[in-house]
Amino acid sequence: MIIKGNCVVTLHYSLTGDHGQQLDASHESEPLVYLHGTNSLLPGLEKDIEGRCAGDKFNVTVQPEEGYGLTDPQHIHKVPLEAFSETNNLEVGMQFELESEEGHGEQFTVIAIEEDEVTVDANHPLAGKVLHFKVSIETVRAATDEEIEAGYAQE
C-alpha cells in the first residue's frame, strides 16, 4: 500500500543534527505510529514519506522552515536572576517548564547567566536546526473510520 492521506503508518527513525549527534531515535523503544495527512509529523518529514511503502528505508533532511521553524528572537528574554532563587546550581542548558495564563506548559532553556540576569529561550530546542532523519517504514494500512474521525491512529 502506498502512503497517502488516511493511512496508518508505523515507522522507526533516528534523528541527528548537522554534526552527526543523535538527537532522538525510536529503535530502542516502540516504533512511531501515526495517521498520515493529519499534520502529526514535521511537514518536511511527512511530505517525504508520502508515496512510500512498507519496507522502504531512506534518509530525509528537513530544513528549519519545514521542521520546528526558525529561531524567533521574540521568544528570547532576559529575566532577573532572583526569579531563579529557589533553583540550586543554575546552569546554562537547564530547561524549565512554566504554565502559561492559558494553562499550557511552556518550556524554556537557560542560554546565558550574567550577574543579575538570566537569558532564557522559549523557542523549541530544535528551532533553527537542520534535521537529518533515517527512516524505515515498517507497516502501512488503511485507517479505520474511527481513526479518521478521531484524527489519529488508535494502535
N, C-alpha and C. Protein backbone atom coordinates (compact mmCIF):
# COMPACT_ATOMS: atom_id res chain seq x y z
N MET A 1 0.85 -1.18 0.00
CA MET A 1 0.00 0.00 0.00
C MET A 1 0.89 1.24 0.00
N ILE A 2 0.55 2.18 -0.83
CA ILE A 2 1.30 3.44 -0.94
C ILE A 2 0.79 4.41 0.13
N ILE A 3 1.72 5.09 0.78
CA ILE A 3 1.35 6.03 1.84
C ILE A 3 0.72 7.28 1.23
N LYS A 4 -0.49 7.56 1.72
CA LYS A 4 -1.22 8.77 1.34
C LYS A 4 -2.11 9.13 2.52
N GLY A 5 -2.92 10.16 2.37
CA GLY A 5 -3.82 10.57 3.45
C GLY A 5 -4.69 9.41 3.92
N ASN A 6 -4.95 9.39 5.21
CA ASN A 6 -5.77 8.37 5.87
C ASN A 6 -5.16 6.97 5.84
N CYS A 7 -3.85 6.91 5.82
CA CYS A 7 -3.13 5.65 6.04
C CYS A 7 -2.51 5.71 7.43
N VAL A 8 -2.53 4.57 8.12
CA VAL A 8 -1.82 4.47 9.40
C VAL A 8 -0.44 3.91 9.08
N VAL A 9 0.59 4.65 9.47
CA VAL A 9 1.97 4.30 9.16
C VAL A 9 2.69 3.97 10.46
N THR A 10 3.43 2.87 10.44
CA THR A 10 4.30 2.51 11.55
C THR A 10 5.73 2.62 11.03
N LEU A 11 6.57 3.35 11.74
CA LEU A 11 7.94 3.54 11.27
C LEU A 11 8.92 3.63 12.44
N HIS A 12 10.16 3.35 12.12
CA HIS A 12 11.27 3.60 13.04
C HIS A 12 12.10 4.72 12.44
N TYR A 13 12.74 5.51 13.29
CA TYR A 13 13.55 6.62 12.80
C TYR A 13 14.71 6.87 13.76
N SER A 14 15.72 7.50 13.22
CA SER A 14 16.74 8.12 14.07
C SER A 14 16.93 9.53 13.55
N LEU A 15 17.19 10.44 14.45
CA LEU A 15 17.31 11.85 14.14
C LEU A 15 18.67 12.33 14.60
N THR A 16 19.41 12.95 13.68
CA THR A 16 20.71 13.52 14.03
C THR A 16 20.75 14.98 13.61
N GLY A 17 21.64 15.71 14.22
CA GLY A 17 21.86 17.10 13.87
C GLY A 17 22.93 17.21 12.80
N ASP A 18 23.27 18.44 12.46
CA ASP A 18 24.25 18.69 11.40
C ASP A 18 25.62 18.09 11.66
N HIS A 19 25.98 17.92 12.91
CA HIS A 19 27.31 17.40 13.24
C HIS A 19 27.27 15.92 13.58
N GLY A 20 26.17 15.25 13.23
CA GLY A 20 26.06 13.81 13.44
C GLY A 20 25.64 13.40 14.84
N GLN A 21 25.39 14.34 15.73
CA GLN A 21 24.99 13.99 17.09
C GLN A 21 23.56 13.47 17.06
N GLN A 22 23.33 12.33 17.73
CA GLN A 22 21.99 11.76 17.77
C GLN A 22 21.11 12.59 18.70
N LEU A 23 19.95 12.98 18.18
CA LEU A 23 19.01 13.80 18.94
C LEU A 23 17.82 13.00 19.43
N ASP A 24 17.45 11.96 18.69
CA ASP A 24 16.29 11.15 19.06
C ASP A 24 16.31 9.89 18.20
N ALA A 25 15.64 8.85 18.67
CA ALA A 25 15.53 7.61 17.90
C ALA A 25 14.42 6.77 18.48
N SER A 26 13.81 5.97 17.63
CA SER A 26 12.73 5.09 18.07
C SER A 26 13.19 3.64 18.18
N HIS A 27 14.36 3.32 17.69
CA HIS A 27 14.80 1.92 17.59
C HIS A 27 14.92 1.22 18.93
N GLU A 28 15.16 1.96 19.98
CA GLU A 28 15.31 1.33 21.30
C GLU A 28 13.99 1.26 22.05
N SER A 29 12.93 1.72 21.40
CA SER A 29 11.60 1.68 22.03
C SER A 29 10.59 1.24 20.98
N GLU A 30 9.38 1.65 21.18
CA GLU A 30 8.31 1.30 20.24
C GLU A 30 8.44 2.14 18.98
N PRO A 31 8.00 1.61 17.85
CA PRO A 31 8.00 2.42 16.63
C PRO A 31 6.97 3.54 16.74
N LEU A 32 7.12 4.53 15.91
CA LEU A 32 6.17 5.63 15.84
C LEU A 32 5.01 5.19 14.95
N VAL A 33 3.78 5.39 15.43
CA VAL A 33 2.58 5.06 14.68
C VAL A 33 1.78 6.35 14.55
N TYR A 34 1.41 6.70 13.31
CA TYR A 34 0.66 7.94 13.12
C TYR A 34 -0.30 7.82 11.95
N LEU A 35 -1.26 8.73 11.89
CA LEU A 35 -2.22 8.81 10.80
C LEU A 35 -1.70 9.83 9.81
N HIS A 36 -1.35 9.37 8.62
CA HIS A 36 -0.75 10.24 7.61
C HIS A 36 -1.78 11.25 7.10
N GLY A 37 -1.31 12.47 6.90
CA GLY A 37 -2.16 13.53 6.37
C GLY A 37 -2.85 14.37 7.42
N THR A 38 -2.49 14.19 8.68
CA THR A 38 -3.13 14.95 9.76
C THR A 38 -2.16 15.91 10.44
N ASN A 39 -1.03 16.18 9.78
CA ASN A 39 -0.01 17.07 10.35
C ASN A 39 0.51 16.57 11.68
N SER A 40 0.62 15.25 11.80
CA SER A 40 1.14 14.64 13.03
C SER A 40 2.66 14.66 13.08
N LEU A 41 3.29 14.83 11.93
CA LEU A 41 4.75 14.86 11.84
C LEU A 41 5.19 16.24 11.38
N LEU A 42 6.49 16.47 11.44
CA LEU A 42 7.03 17.70 10.87
C LEU A 42 6.66 17.75 9.40
N PRO A 43 6.27 18.91 8.88
CA PRO A 43 5.84 18.99 7.48
C PRO A 43 6.86 18.42 6.49
N GLY A 44 8.14 18.72 6.67
CA GLY A 44 9.16 18.23 5.74
C GLY A 44 9.31 16.73 5.77
N LEU A 45 9.11 16.12 6.93
CA LEU A 45 9.21 14.67 7.05
C LEU A 45 7.97 14.01 6.45
N GLU A 46 6.79 14.51 6.79
CA GLU A 46 5.56 13.91 6.28
C GLU A 46 5.51 14.00 4.75
N LYS A 47 5.96 15.14 4.20
CA LYS A 47 5.96 15.32 2.75
C LYS A 47 6.84 14.27 2.07
N ASP A 48 7.99 13.95 2.66
CA ASP A 48 8.90 12.99 2.05
C ASP A 48 8.42 11.55 2.20
N ILE A 49 7.62 11.28 3.22
CA ILE A 49 7.08 9.93 3.43
C ILE A 49 5.96 9.62 2.44
N GLU A 50 5.22 10.64 2.04
CA GLU A 50 4.11 10.48 1.09
C GLU A 50 4.58 9.70 -0.14
N GLY A 51 3.81 8.70 -0.52
CA GLY A 51 4.11 7.92 -1.72
C GLY A 51 5.04 6.73 -1.49
N ARG A 52 5.53 6.57 -0.29
CA ARG A 52 6.42 5.44 0.01
C ARG A 52 5.59 4.23 0.45
N CYS A 53 6.28 3.09 0.66
CA CYS A 53 5.61 1.83 1.00
C CYS A 53 6.31 1.16 2.17
N ALA A 54 5.63 0.17 2.77
CA ALA A 54 6.26 -0.64 3.82
C ALA A 54 7.53 -1.26 3.26
N GLY A 55 8.57 -1.29 4.06
CA GLY A 55 9.85 -1.83 3.65
C GLY A 55 10.82 -0.78 3.14
N ASP A 56 10.33 0.41 2.82
CA ASP A 56 11.22 1.48 2.34
C ASP A 56 12.10 1.97 3.48
N LYS A 57 13.37 2.19 3.15
CA LYS A 57 14.33 2.78 4.08
C LYS A 57 14.96 3.95 3.34
N PHE A 58 15.04 5.10 3.99
CA PHE A 58 15.52 6.29 3.29
C PHE A 58 15.98 7.34 4.29
N ASN A 59 16.68 8.33 3.78
CA ASN A 59 17.15 9.46 4.57
C ASN A 59 16.38 10.71 4.14
N VAL A 60 16.09 11.56 5.09
CA VAL A 60 15.39 12.81 4.84
C VAL A 60 16.11 13.93 5.58
N THR A 61 16.39 15.02 4.88
CA THR A 61 16.91 16.22 5.53
C THR A 61 15.80 17.24 5.56
N VAL A 62 15.49 17.72 6.76
CA VAL A 62 14.40 18.68 6.95
C VAL A 62 15.02 20.02 7.35
N GLN A 63 14.75 21.03 6.54
CA GLN A 63 15.22 22.38 6.83
C GLN A 63 14.37 22.99 7.94
N PRO A 64 14.88 23.97 8.66
CA PRO A 64 14.13 24.55 9.78
C PRO A 64 12.72 25.02 9.43
N GLU A 65 12.55 25.57 8.24
CA GLU A 65 11.24 26.08 7.85
C GLU A 65 10.19 24.97 7.76
N GLU A 66 10.62 23.74 7.52
CA GLU A 66 9.70 22.61 7.45
C GLU A 66 9.87 21.66 8.64
N GLY A 67 10.59 22.16 9.65
CA GLY A 67 10.79 21.39 10.87
C GLY A 67 10.15 22.13 12.04
N TYR A 68 10.98 22.59 12.96
CA TYR A 68 10.48 23.29 14.14
C TYR A 68 10.51 24.80 13.97
N GLY A 69 10.73 25.25 12.74
CA GLY A 69 10.73 26.68 12.45
C GLY A 69 12.07 27.32 12.72
N LEU A 70 12.15 28.57 12.34
CA LEU A 70 13.35 29.36 12.59
C LEU A 70 13.33 29.84 14.04
N THR A 71 14.48 30.17 14.55
CA THR A 71 14.55 30.74 15.89
C THR A 71 13.92 32.12 15.87
N ASP A 72 12.97 32.35 16.74
CA ASP A 72 12.27 33.63 16.82
C ASP A 72 12.87 34.45 17.96
N PRO A 73 13.53 35.56 17.63
CA PRO A 73 14.16 36.38 18.68
C PRO A 73 13.17 36.88 19.73
N GLN A 74 11.87 36.95 19.38
CA GLN A 74 10.88 37.41 20.36
C GLN A 74 10.62 36.39 21.45
N HIS A 75 11.15 35.17 21.28
CA HIS A 75 11.00 34.13 22.31
C HIS A 75 12.23 34.04 23.21
N ILE A 76 13.13 34.99 23.08
CA ILE A 76 14.33 35.05 23.92
C ILE A 76 14.16 36.25 24.85
N HIS A 77 14.28 35.98 26.16
CA HIS A 77 14.01 37.02 27.15
C HIS A 77 15.08 37.05 28.22
N LYS A 78 15.25 38.22 28.79
CA LYS A 78 16.11 38.38 29.97
C LYS A 78 15.21 38.44 31.19
N VAL A 79 15.56 37.65 32.18
CA VAL A 79 14.77 37.52 33.40
C VAL A 79 15.68 37.84 34.58
N PRO A 80 15.17 38.53 35.59
CA PRO A 80 16.01 38.80 36.76
C PRO A 80 16.49 37.48 37.39
N LEU A 81 17.74 37.46 37.78
CA LEU A 81 18.33 36.27 38.41
C LEU A 81 17.52 35.85 39.64
N GLU A 82 16.95 36.80 40.35
CA GLU A 82 16.18 36.49 41.56
C GLU A 82 14.97 35.60 41.27
N ALA A 83 14.50 35.57 40.02
CA ALA A 83 13.38 34.69 39.66
C ALA A 83 13.76 33.21 39.80
N PHE A 84 15.05 32.93 39.86
CA PHE A 84 15.55 31.56 39.99
C PHE A 84 16.11 31.30 41.38
N SER A 85 15.69 32.08 42.36
CA SER A 85 16.25 31.99 43.71
C SER A 85 16.07 30.61 44.34
N GLU A 86 15.03 29.88 43.93
CA GLU A 86 14.79 28.55 44.51
C GLU A 86 15.47 27.43 43.72
N THR A 87 16.23 27.80 42.69
CA THR A 87 16.91 26.80 41.87
C THR A 87 18.35 26.68 42.32
N ASN A 88 18.74 25.48 42.68
CA ASN A 88 20.12 25.24 43.09
C ASN A 88 20.98 25.02 41.86
N ASN A 89 22.17 25.57 41.86
CA ASN A 89 23.16 25.35 40.80
C ASN A 89 22.61 25.64 39.41
N LEU A 90 22.06 26.82 39.21
CA LEU A 90 21.55 27.24 37.92
C LEU A 90 22.67 27.19 36.89
N GLU A 91 22.42 26.55 35.75
CA GLU A 91 23.44 26.40 34.71
C GLU A 91 22.84 26.66 33.34
N VAL A 92 23.70 27.09 32.41
CA VAL A 92 23.31 27.21 31.01
C VAL A 92 22.93 25.82 30.52
N GLY A 93 21.84 25.74 29.77
CA GLY A 93 21.36 24.46 29.25
C GLY A 93 20.22 23.87 30.06
N MET A 94 20.03 24.35 31.29
CA MET A 94 18.92 23.84 32.10
C MET A 94 17.60 24.20 31.44
N GLN A 95 16.64 23.28 31.53
CA GLN A 95 15.33 23.52 30.95
C GLN A 95 14.29 23.55 32.06
N PHE A 96 13.33 24.44 31.87
CA PHE A 96 12.25 24.62 32.83
C PHE A 96 10.93 24.64 32.09
N GLU A 97 9.85 24.31 32.79
CA GLU A 97 8.52 24.41 32.20
C GLU A 97 7.66 25.25 33.13
N LEU A 98 7.00 26.22 32.54
CA LEU A 98 6.06 27.07 33.28
C LEU A 98 4.69 26.92 32.65
N GLU A 99 3.67 27.13 33.45
CA GLU A 99 2.32 27.09 32.93
C GLU A 99 1.92 28.49 32.52
N SER A 100 1.47 28.64 31.27
CA SER A 100 1.04 29.95 30.77
C SER A 100 -0.30 30.32 31.38
N GLU A 101 -0.72 31.55 31.14
CA GLU A 101 -2.02 32.00 31.65
C GLU A 101 -3.15 31.16 31.08
N GLU A 102 -2.95 30.60 29.87
CA GLU A 102 -3.97 29.76 29.23
C GLU A 102 -3.93 28.32 29.74
N GLY A 103 -2.98 28.02 30.61
CA GLY A 103 -2.88 26.67 31.17
C GLY A 103 -2.01 25.72 30.37
N HIS A 104 -1.28 26.24 29.37
CA HIS A 104 -0.39 25.41 28.56
C HIS A 104 1.00 25.40 29.18
N GLY A 105 1.66 24.25 29.09
CA GLY A 105 3.04 24.16 29.56
C GLY A 105 3.96 24.79 28.54
N GLU A 106 4.79 25.72 28.95
CA GLU A 106 5.75 26.36 28.07
C GLU A 106 7.15 26.05 28.57
N GLN A 107 7.94 25.47 27.70
CA GLN A 107 9.30 25.09 28.07
C GLN A 107 10.27 26.17 27.63
N PHE A 108 11.27 26.42 28.45
CA PHE A 108 12.33 27.33 28.05
C PHE A 108 13.66 26.80 28.54
N THR A 109 14.71 27.27 27.88
CA THR A 109 16.08 26.83 28.16
C THR A 109 16.90 28.03 28.58
N VAL A 110 17.72 27.87 29.61
CA VAL A 110 18.65 28.92 30.03
C VAL A 110 19.81 28.94 29.02
N ILE A 111 20.02 30.09 28.39
CA ILE A 111 21.09 30.17 27.39
C ILE A 111 22.25 31.07 27.83
N ALA A 112 22.04 31.89 28.88
CA ALA A 112 23.13 32.71 29.41
C ALA A 112 22.79 33.14 30.82
N ILE A 113 23.83 33.27 31.64
CA ILE A 113 23.66 33.74 33.02
C ILE A 113 24.67 34.87 33.22
N GLU A 114 24.15 36.05 33.55
CA GLU A 114 25.00 37.18 33.84
C GLU A 114 24.88 37.50 35.33
N GLU A 115 25.47 38.60 35.76
CA GLU A 115 25.49 38.92 37.19
C GLU A 115 24.10 38.96 37.81
N ASP A 116 23.17 39.68 37.18
CA ASP A 116 21.84 39.82 37.77
C ASP A 116 20.72 39.45 36.81
N GLU A 117 21.08 38.87 35.66
CA GLU A 117 20.08 38.48 34.66
C GLU A 117 20.34 37.09 34.11
N VAL A 118 19.26 36.44 33.73
CA VAL A 118 19.34 35.13 33.08
C VAL A 118 18.63 35.27 31.74
N THR A 119 19.29 34.83 30.68
CA THR A 119 18.67 34.86 29.36
C THR A 119 18.06 33.49 29.11
N VAL A 120 16.76 33.48 28.77
CA VAL A 120 16.05 32.23 28.52
C VAL A 120 15.51 32.25 27.09
N ASP A 121 15.42 31.06 26.52
CA ASP A 121 14.95 30.88 25.15
C ASP A 121 13.74 29.97 25.17
N ALA A 122 12.58 30.48 24.75
CA ALA A 122 11.35 29.69 24.73
C ALA A 122 11.09 29.07 23.35
N ASN A 123 12.03 29.21 22.42
CA ASN A 123 11.90 28.52 21.14
C ASN A 123 12.03 27.03 21.38
N HIS A 124 11.46 26.22 20.50
CA HIS A 124 11.67 24.78 20.59
C HIS A 124 13.17 24.53 20.53
N PRO A 125 13.71 23.59 21.30
CA PRO A 125 15.16 23.35 21.29
C PRO A 125 15.72 23.02 19.90
N LEU A 126 14.87 22.53 18.98
CA LEU A 126 15.36 22.20 17.64
C LEU A 126 14.99 23.28 16.60
N ALA A 127 14.45 24.40 17.06
CA ALA A 127 14.16 25.51 16.13
C ALA A 127 15.46 26.00 15.52
N GLY A 128 15.42 26.29 14.23
CA GLY A 128 16.60 26.80 13.55
C GLY A 128 17.60 25.73 13.15
N LYS A 129 17.31 24.48 13.45
CA LYS A 129 18.25 23.38 13.18
C LYS A 129 17.83 22.61 11.93
N VAL A 130 18.85 22.19 11.15
CA VAL A 130 18.63 21.25 10.05
C VAL A 130 18.61 19.87 10.68
N LEU A 131 17.58 19.09 10.36
CA LEU A 131 17.38 17.78 10.97
C LEU A 131 17.58 16.69 9.93
N HIS A 132 18.30 15.64 10.33
CA HIS A 132 18.59 14.53 9.43
C HIS A 132 17.95 13.26 9.99
N PHE A 133 16.99 12.73 9.26
CA PHE A 133 16.27 11.53 9.67
C PHE A 133 16.70 10.33 8.84
N LYS A 134 16.84 9.19 9.48
CA LYS A 134 16.92 7.89 8.81
C LYS A 134 15.61 7.21 9.15
N VAL A 135 14.86 6.82 8.14
CA VAL A 135 13.50 6.30 8.34
C VAL A 135 13.39 4.91 7.75
N SER A 136 12.68 4.06 8.46
CA SER A 136 12.36 2.71 7.98
C SER A 136 10.85 2.53 8.15
N ILE A 137 10.13 2.41 7.02
CA ILE A 137 8.69 2.21 7.08
C ILE A 137 8.43 0.74 7.39
N GLU A 138 7.77 0.47 8.49
CA GLU A 138 7.52 -0.91 8.92
C GLU A 138 6.21 -1.44 8.34
N THR A 139 5.11 -0.72 8.56
CA THR A 139 3.81 -1.16 8.05
C THR A 139 3.01 0.05 7.57
N VAL A 140 2.08 -0.23 6.66
CA VAL A 140 1.14 0.78 6.18
C VAL A 140 -0.21 0.08 6.04
N ARG A 141 -1.27 0.72 6.54
CA ARG A 141 -2.60 0.16 6.39
C ARG A 141 -3.60 1.29 6.27
N ALA A 142 -4.78 0.98 5.76
CA ALA A 142 -5.86 1.96 5.70
C ALA A 142 -6.34 2.25 7.11
N ALA A 143 -6.63 3.50 7.37
CA ALA A 143 -7.16 3.89 8.68
C ALA A 143 -8.61 3.43 8.78
N THR A 144 -9.04 3.14 9.99
CA THR A 144 -10.45 2.82 10.23
C THR A 144 -11.26 4.11 10.22
N ASP A 145 -12.55 3.98 10.09
CA ASP A 145 -13.43 5.15 10.14
C ASP A 145 -13.27 5.88 11.47
N GLU A 146 -13.10 5.12 12.56
CA GLU A 146 -12.93 5.73 13.88
C GLU A 146 -11.64 6.54 13.94
N GLU A 147 -10.57 6.01 13.36
CA GLU A 147 -9.29 6.74 13.36
C GLU A 147 -9.41 8.02 12.54
N ILE A 148 -10.06 7.94 11.40
CA ILE A 148 -10.23 9.13 10.55
C ILE A 148 -11.04 10.18 11.30
N GLU A 149 -12.10 9.75 11.95
CA GLU A 149 -12.93 10.69 12.71
C GLU A 149 -12.15 11.32 13.87
N ALA A 150 -11.36 10.48 14.57
CA ALA A 150 -10.58 10.97 15.72
C ALA A 150 -9.40 11.83 15.28
N GLY A 151 -8.87 11.57 14.06
CA GLY A 151 -7.73 12.34 13.58
C GLY A 151 -6.39 11.80 14.02
N TYR A 152 -6.37 10.56 14.54
CA TYR A 152 -5.11 9.95 14.93
C TYR A 152 -5.24 8.43 14.91
N ALA A 153 -4.08 7.76 14.81
CA ALA A 153 -4.06 6.30 14.81
C ALA A 153 -4.38 5.80 16.21
N GLN A 154 -5.15 4.73 16.28
CA GLN A 154 -5.57 4.22 17.58
C GLN A 154 -4.94 2.86 17.84
N GLU A 155 -3.64 2.74 17.58
CA GLU A 155 -2.94 1.48 17.84
C GLU A 155 -2.20 1.56 19.14
